[in-house]
C-alpha cells in the first residue's frame, strides 16, 4: 500500500503536509498512521484536504468529499439531516436528542442510508461507529456537538 500525501487545512485555517501509511478510505474520512505525527493513528476529513500530492488521489475511490450538511431549523422534518446518538446514558441521550431536534436535526435510532451525523459517547460501540463512517456519516464527538448545534459548523478534529 502506498503512502498518501496531501495538504490538510484544519478549522483554524492552518494547512499542513500529511503523509499517511496503512490507510483506509471510510466514507468522508481517511484513516491511517500519520508519519507527520510519528506514525500515530489519525482520521482526516476529506473535505479538509486541499490538495493531493504525488498522484495520491488516484489511489482513492472517492478522493473528494463535500462538507457536512447545513442545519436549517425551519426545514421540514423530512429534509433535516439525520443524527444518531450512541454510547450515552439514557437521560443524557434524551437531552441531546431534544437539543438536536431544536437545532434542525432529525434524530434516528439506527444507522440508515440517510444518516448525516453520529454523535459517539463514551460507551459507543466501535462497530456501529465504523459502519456509519463507511456509509458516509460524519462523526461528532460529544465535546463538538454544542458547536454543531449552535453554529451549524462541524468542528474539525484529527481523531486519535
Foldseek 3Di string as FASTA:
>chain_A
DAWWWFWFQFPVRDTDIWTFPPWDDAAQWIWGFTVVVVRHTWIFGLCRTPDTPPPNCVVDPDSHDDFQDFADQPDPQVPFAEEEEFDDDPVVVVVLCVLQNNLRYHYDHAQDLRHAEYEYEPGGDPVRVSVNRNSRHHYAYPVQSVVCSPPVHRHDDTDD
